[in-house]
Amino acid sequence: MNLKERIIALLSTLLEEDKYFIVEVQVSPSKVRQKVTILMDSDAGISIDECAEISRKLDDMIEAEELIPNAYTLEISSPGVDYPLAFPRQFQKNIGRTLKVILKDGIEKRGELIAVSDEGFTVKEELKKKKKDQVPAELTFAYGDIARAEVQIKF
């Protein structure tokens, strides 16, 4: 197992039963100080205090296992609102929000996320020009057809 896989294995034993999930793990090699960045989430979001607690416990486990022999930096945070959605659980917690969906073939759609399943999700398409009797279409996408899906922030 490489370092990233070993860290994921340690983290998986540490996480509460399905409360948290790993979004991404990045290991940036360096001769001076390696950097391990972990993005995590939960269905209700993840707080700074929760990230700090997980970081302390994981740091202790990395030290005990002697996974990283030299100095390293460990960062644990939430993916943030501008990070693309990757897992059904992330889509589920964003129902009601507007998504920008880019399909693998390059087509881009926008709409309100209205339903999520294990296979995909449905958005109510945003109309470019609102006409009197025009009804927004409901578009269903399979996760495998998506290149990127992002929550659109409205101000």
Foldseek 3Di string as FASTA:
>chain_A
DALQVVLVVLLVVVDDDQQKDWDDWDWADDPAAIEIETAMAGLVGADPVRQVVSQVVSVVVCVVVVSDVHHYHYHYYHCDQFHWDQALSVLVSQQQFKKWFAWPVGDIWIFGWHATDRFWTKGFTDDPDDDDPDGTDIDTDGSVGTPTMHTDDDD
